[in-house]
């Protein structure tokens, strides 16, 4: 990935953060976690994405849908602090268990190709910012993680996220 591409990616992330702070609307209300998951399951599969990282994309998607951290964390069965961490710019996706993140990615209807693209962007940002101490190890972890997310999708019969 070129330095120009990385700089564009960083600029896009900064722009997203500014937009999030400028645009706030009333959050959607759901009776319970099942209603939120049912709402998300009706979304179209996300294949086409802008240049950003996986954490930024997750945060932007949740906030764009006007879903609170509390509602999302409850529906996904993760602690709210953990969800905030998954959406933070410093988060390295391949460091969290695929069993933890695959249900979130699945609920948001994110196609495996989009996940791969976003995760590789996360990798490039981490590499350039020197948050990766062992490049070879991180590369292997990333590949294994993506394969394991795919397996989790297969286990969940998420065919439309894999085709």
C-alpha atoms as a PDB file:
ATOM      1  CA  UNK A   1       0.000   0.000   0.000  1.00  0.00           C
ATOM      2  CA  UNK A   2       1.465   3.356  -0.998  1.00  0.00           C
ATOM      3  CA  UNK A   3       2.098   6.204   1.381  1.00  0.00           C
ATOM      4  CA  UNK A   4      -0.437   8.273  -0.566  1.00  0.00           C
ATOM      5  CA  UNK A   5      -3.076   5.575  -0.008  1.00  0.00           C
ATOM      6  CA  UNK A   6      -2.296   5.450   3.720  1.00  0.00           C
ATOM      7  CA  UNK A   7      -2.513   9.244   3.978  1.00  0.00           C
ATOM      8  CA  UNK A   8      -5.903   9.192   2.228  1.00  0.00           C
ATOM      9  CA  UNK A   9      -7.045   6.515   4.643  1.00  0.00           C
ATOM     10  CA  UNK A  10      -5.938   8.550   7.661  1.00  0.00           C
ATOM     11  CA  UNK A  11      -7.646  11.649   6.287  1.00  0.00           C
ATOM     12  CA  UNK A  12     -10.879   9.681   5.744  1.00  0.00           C
ATOM     13  CA  UNK A  13     -10.801   8.472   9.357  1.00  0.00           C
ATOM     14  CA  UNK A  14     -10.278  12.040  10.618  1.00  0.00           C
ATOM     15  CA  UNK A  15     -13.181  13.226   8.455  1.00  0.00           C
ATOM     16  CA  UNK A  16     -15.432  10.461   9.797  1.00  0.00           C
ATOM     17  CA  UNK A  17     -14.676  11.470  13.369  1.00  0.00           C
ATOM     18  CA  UNK A  18     -15.545  15.090  12.616  1.00  0.00           C
ATOM     19  CA  UNK A  19     -18.824  14.067  10.962  1.00  0.00           C
ATOM     20  CA  UNK A  20     -19.763  11.915  13.938  1.00  0.00           C
ATOM     21  CA  UNK A  21     -19.302  14.770  16.374  1.00  0.00           C
ATOM     22  CA  UNK A  22     -21.221  17.208  14.160  1.00  0.00           C
ATOM     23  CA  UNK A  23     -24.240  15.008  13.378  1.00  0.00           C
ATOM     24  CA  UNK A  24     -26.200  13.623  16.286  1.00  0.00           C
ATOM     25  CA  UNK A  25     -29.804  12.554  16.115  1.00  0.00           C
ATOM     26  CA  UNK A  26     -32.153  10.715  18.416  1.00  0.00           C
ATOM     27  CA  UNK A  27     -31.102   7.052  18.690  1.00  0.00           C
ATOM     28  CA  UNK A  28     -33.402   4.327  17.441  1.00  0.00           C
ATOM     29  CA  UNK A  29     -35.351   2.585  20.148  1.00  0.00           C
ATOM     30  CA  UNK A  30     -35.819  -1.173  20.275  1.00  0.00           C
ATOM     31  CA  UNK A  31     -38.030  -3.156  22.606  1.00  0.00           C
ATOM     32  CA  UNK A  32     -35.277  -5.703  23.146  1.00  0.00           C
ATOM     33  CA  UNK A  33     -32.109  -7.166  21.654  1.00  0.00           C
ATOM     34  CA  UNK A  34     -34.058  -9.506  19.377  1.00  0.00           C
ATOM     35  CA  UNK A  35     -35.770  -6.520  17.759  1.00  0.00           C
ATOM     36  CA  UNK A  36     -32.413  -4.861  17.095  1.00  0.00           C
ATOM     37  CA  UNK A  37     -30.984  -8.047  15.560  1.00  0.00           C
ATOM     38  CA  UNK A  38     -34.147  -8.440  13.441  1.00  0.00           C
ATOM     39  CA  UNK A  39     -33.746  -4.843  12.242  1.00  0.00           C
ATOM     40  CA  UNK A  40     -30.096  -5.459  11.304  1.00  0.00           C
ATOM     41  CA  UNK A  41     -30.883  -8.762   9.552  1.00  0.00           C
ATOM     42  CA  UNK A  42     -33.103  -6.821   7.140  1.00  0.00           C
ATOM     43  CA  UNK A  43     -30.197  -4.643   5.994  1.00  0.00           C
ATOM     44  CA  UNK A  44     -28.677  -5.413   2.604  1.00  0.00           C
ATOM     45  CA  UNK A  45     -25.315  -7.172   2.561  1.00  0.00           C
ATOM     46  CA  UNK A  46     -22.530  -4.604   2.615  1.00  0.00           C
ATOM     47  CA  UNK A  47     -20.051  -5.330  -0.154  1.00  0.00           C
ATOM     48  CA  UNK A  48     -19.057  -1.900  -1.371  1.00  0.00           C
ATOM     49  CA  UNK A  49     -17.278   0.249   1.184  1.00  0.00           C
ATOM     50  CA  UNK A  50     -15.328   3.437   1.387  1.00  0.00           C
ATOM     51  CA  UNK A  51     -11.648   3.493   2.204  1.00  0.00           C
ATOM     52  CA  UNK A  52     -11.424   3.213   5.972  1.00  0.00           C
ATOM     53  CA  UNK A  53     -10.477   0.712   8.665  1.00  0.00           C
ATOM     54  CA  UNK A  54     -12.631  -1.985  10.227  1.00  0.00           C
ATOM     55  CA  UNK A  55     -13.001  -0.233  13.615  1.00  0.00           C
ATOM     56  CA  UNK A  56     -13.905   3.086  11.974  1.00  0.00           C
ATOM     57  CA  UNK A  57     -16.363   1.346   9.673  1.00  0.00           C
ATOM     58  CA  UNK A  58     -18.068  -0.445  12.589  1.00  0.00           C
ATOM     59  CA  UNK A  59     -18.380   2.795  14.559  1.00  0.00           C
ATOM     60  CA  UNK A  60     -19.642   4.721  11.549  1.00  0.00           C
ATOM     61  CA  UNK A  61     -22.151   2.013  10.679  1.00  0.00           C
ATOM     62  CA  UNK A  62     -23.545   1.848  14.212  1.00  0.00           C
ATOM     63  CA  UNK A  63     -23.768   5.607  14.589  1.00  0.00           C
ATOM     64  CA  UNK A  64     -25.196   5.977  11.076  1.00  0.00           C
ATOM     65  CA  UNK A  65     -27.962   3.574  12.021  1.00  0.00           C
ATOM     66  CA  UNK A  66     -28.504   5.611  15.233  1.00  0.00           C
ATOM     67  CA  UNK A  67     -27.911   2.601  17.462  1.00  0.00           C
ATOM     68  CA  UNK A  68     -26.547   3.222  20.940  1.00  0.00           C
ATOM     69  CA  UNK A  69     -23.480   1.416  22.254  1.00  0.00           C
ATOM     70  CA  UNK A  70     -25.632   0.020  25.044  1.00  0.00           C
ATOM     71  CA  UNK A  71     -28.255  -1.447  22.709  1.00  0.00           C
ATOM     72  CA  UNK A  72     -25.636  -2.861  20.334  1.00  0.00           C
ATOM     73  CA  UNK A  73     -23.514  -4.372  23.093  1.00  0.00           C
ATOM     74  CA  UNK A  74     -26.570  -5.997  24.640  1.00  0.00           C
ATOM     75  CA  UNK A  75     -27.729  -7.419  21.297  1.00  0.00           C
ATOM     76  CA  UNK A  76     -24.229  -8.698  20.434  1.00  0.00           C
ATOM     77  CA  UNK A  77     -23.623 -10.132  23.896  1.00  0.00           C
ATOM     78  CA  UNK A  78     -20.488  -8.091  24.563  1.00  0.00           C
ATOM     79  CA  UNK A  79     -19.670  -5.579  27.247  1.00  0.00           C
ATOM     80  CA  UNK A  80     -20.213  -1.949  26.183  1.00  0.00           C
ATOM     81  CA  UNK A  81     -16.547  -1.166  26.900  1.00  0.00           C
ATOM     82  CA  UNK A  82     -15.511  -4.038  24.649  1.00  0.00           C
ATOM     83  CA  UNK A  83     -17.717  -2.735  21.834  1.00  0.00           C
ATOM     84  CA  UNK A  84     -16.229   0.746  22.225  1.00  0.00           C
ATOM     85  CA  UNK A  85     -12.787  -0.866  22.042  1.00  0.00           C
ATOM     86  CA  UNK A  86     -13.755  -2.751  18.850  1.00  0.00           C
ATOM     87  CA  UNK A  87     -14.751   0.598  17.335  1.00  0.00           C
ATOM     88  CA  UNK A  88     -11.674   2.525  18.458  1.00  0.00           C
ATOM     89  CA  UNK A  89      -8.970   3.664  16.051  1.00  0.00           C
ATOM     90  CA  UNK A  90      -6.283   1.809  17.988  1.00  0.00           C
ATOM     91  CA  UNK A  91      -8.032  -1.553  17.738  1.00  0.00           C
ATOM     92  CA  UNK A  92      -6.299  -4.308  15.774  1.00  0.00           C
ATOM     93  CA  UNK A  93      -9.104  -6.603  14.526  1.00  0.00           C
ATOM     94  CA  UNK A  94      -6.987  -9.757  14.355  1.00  0.00           C
ATOM     95  CA  UNK A  95      -6.354  -9.533  18.119  1.00  0.00           C
ATOM     96  CA  UNK A  96      -9.944 -10.376  19.067  1.00  0.00           C
ATOM     97  CA  UNK A  97     -11.457 -13.823  18.849  1.00  0.00           C
ATOM     98  CA  UNK A  98     -13.329 -14.511  15.596  1.00  0.00           C
ATOM     99  CA  UNK A  99     -16.065 -16.065  17.765  1.00  0.00           C
ATOM    100  CA  UNK A 100     -16.534 -12.693  19.429  1.00  0.00           C
ATOM    101  CA  UNK A 101     -16.475 -10.473  16.356  1.00  0.00           C
ATOM    102  CA  UNK A 102     -18.061 -12.721  13.696  1.00  0.00           C
ATOM    103  CA  UNK A 103     -21.580 -12.380  15.170  1.00  0.00           C
ATOM    104  CA  UNK A 104     -21.185  -8.595  15.130  1.00  0.00           C
ATOM    105  CA  UNK A 105     -19.939  -8.552  11.539  1.00  0.00           C
ATOM    106  CA  UNK A 106     -22.705 -10.953  10.601  1.00  0.00           C
ATOM    107  CA  UNK A 107     -25.416  -8.899  12.313  1.00  0.00           C
ATOM    108  CA  UNK A 108     -24.254  -5.809  10.432  1.00  0.00           C
ATOM    109  CA  UNK A 109     -24.374  -7.862   7.197  1.00  0.00           C
ATOM    110  CA  UNK A 110     -20.756  -7.151   6.184  1.00  0.00           C
ATOM    111  CA  UNK A 111     -19.508  -9.376   3.355  1.00  0.00           C
ATOM    112  CA  UNK A 112     -16.227 -11.249   3.894  1.00  0.00           C
ATOM    113  CA  UNK A 113     -14.579  -9.365   1.010  1.00  0.00           C
ATOM    114  CA  UNK A 114     -15.404  -6.041   2.657  1.00  0.00           C
ATOM    115  CA  UNK A 115     -14.114  -7.362   5.993  1.00  0.00           C
ATOM    116  CA  UNK A 116     -10.877  -8.415   4.294  1.00  0.00           C
ATOM    117  CA  UNK A 117     -10.453  -4.987   2.685  1.00  0.00           C
ATOM    118  CA  UNK A 118     -11.169  -3.120   5.933  1.00  0.00           C
ATOM    119  CA  UNK A 119      -8.915  -5.376   7.988  1.00  0.00           C
ATOM    120  CA  UNK A 120      -6.027  -4.950   5.570  1.00  0.00           C
ATOM    121  CA  UNK A 121      -6.470  -1.191   5.815  1.00  0.00           C
ATOM    122  CA  UNK A 122      -6.349  -1.539   9.611  1.00  0.00           C
ATOM    123  CA  UNK A 123      -3.146  -3.539   9.196  1.00  0.00           C
ATOM    124  CA  UNK A 124      -1.551  -0.870   6.994  1.00  0.00           C
ATOM    125  CA  UNK A 125      -2.387   1.902   9.440  1.00  0.00           C
ATOM    126  CA  UNK A 126      -0.968  -0.148  12.322  1.00  0.00           C
ATOM    127  CA  UNK A 127       2.162  -0.923  10.296  1.00  0.00           C
ATOM    128  CA  UNK A 128       2.773   2.704   9.326  1.00  0.00           C
ATOM    129  CA  UNK A 129       2.118   3.923  12.872  1.00  0.00           C
ATOM    130  CA  UNK A 130       4.495   1.242  14.183  1.00  0.00           C
ATOM    131  CA  UNK A 131       1.900  -0.470  16.402  1.00  0.00           C
ATOM    132  CA  UNK A 132       3.013  -3.811  14.995  1.00  0.00           C
ATOM    133  CA  UNK A 133       6.227  -5.075  16.537  1.00  0.00           C
ATOM    134  CA  UNK A 134       6.597  -8.263  14.472  1.00  0.00           C
ATOM    135  CA  UNK A 135       5.360  -7.752  10.911  1.00  0.00           C
ATOM    136  CA  UNK A 136       5.628 -11.418   9.901  1.00  0.00           C
ATOM    137  CA  UNK A 137       3.738 -12.596  12.963  1.00  0.00           C
ATOM    138  CA  UNK A 138       1.021  -9.948  12.491  1.00  0.00           C
ATOM    139  CA  UNK A 139       0.653 -10.892   8.819  1.00  0.00           C
ATOM    140  CA  UNK A 140       0.165 -14.539   9.783  1.00  0.00           C
ATOM    141  CA  UNK A 141      -2.285 -13.627  12.547  1.00  0.00           C
ATOM    142  CA  UNK A 142      -4.288 -11.488  10.131  1.00  0.00           C
ATOM    143  CA  UNK A 143      -4.521 -14.310   7.566  1.00  0.00           C
ATOM    144  CA  UNK A 144      -5.506 -16.856  10.195  1.00  0.00           C
ATOM    145  CA  UNK A 145      -8.042 -14.459  11.698  1.00  0.00           C
ATOM    146  CA  UNK A 146      -9.716 -13.814   8.341  1.00  0.00           C
ATOM    147  CA  UNK A 147      -9.886 -17.559   7.668  1.00  0.00           C
ATOM    148  CA  UNK A 148     -11.411 -18.115  11.118  1.00  0.00           C
ATOM    149  CA  UNK A 149     -14.015 -15.363  10.581  1.00  0.00           C
ATOM    150  CA  UNK A 150     -14.927 -17.156   7.347  1.00  0.00           C
ATOM    151  CA  UNK A 151     -15.305 -20.427   9.288  1.00  0.00           C
ATOM    152  CA  UNK A 152     -17.564 -18.693  11.827  1.00  0.00           C
ATOM    153  CA  UNK A 153     -19.728 -17.399   8.969  1.00  0.00           C
ATOM    154  CA  UNK A 154     -19.895 -20.920   7.531  1.00  0.00           C
ATOM    155  CA  UNK A 155     -20.900 -22.324  10.938  1.00  0.00           C
ATOM    156  CA  UNK A 156     -23.639 -19.692  11.133  1.00  0.00           C
ATOM    157  CA  UNK A 157     -24.777 -20.573   7.604  1.00  0.00           C
ATOM    158  CA  UNK A 158     -24.156 -16.964   6.501  1.00  0.00           C
ATOM    159  CA  UNK A 159     -23.989 -17.943   2.819  1.00  0.00           C
ATOM    160  CA  UNK A 160     -24.881 -14.448   1.590  1.00  0.00           C
ATOM    161  CA  UNK A 161     -21.837 -13.019   3.409  1.00  0.00           C
ATOM    162  CA  UNK A 162     -19.512 -15.505   1.716  1.00  0.00           C
ATOM    163  CA  UNK A 163     -20.626 -15.742  -1.932  1.00  0.00           C
END
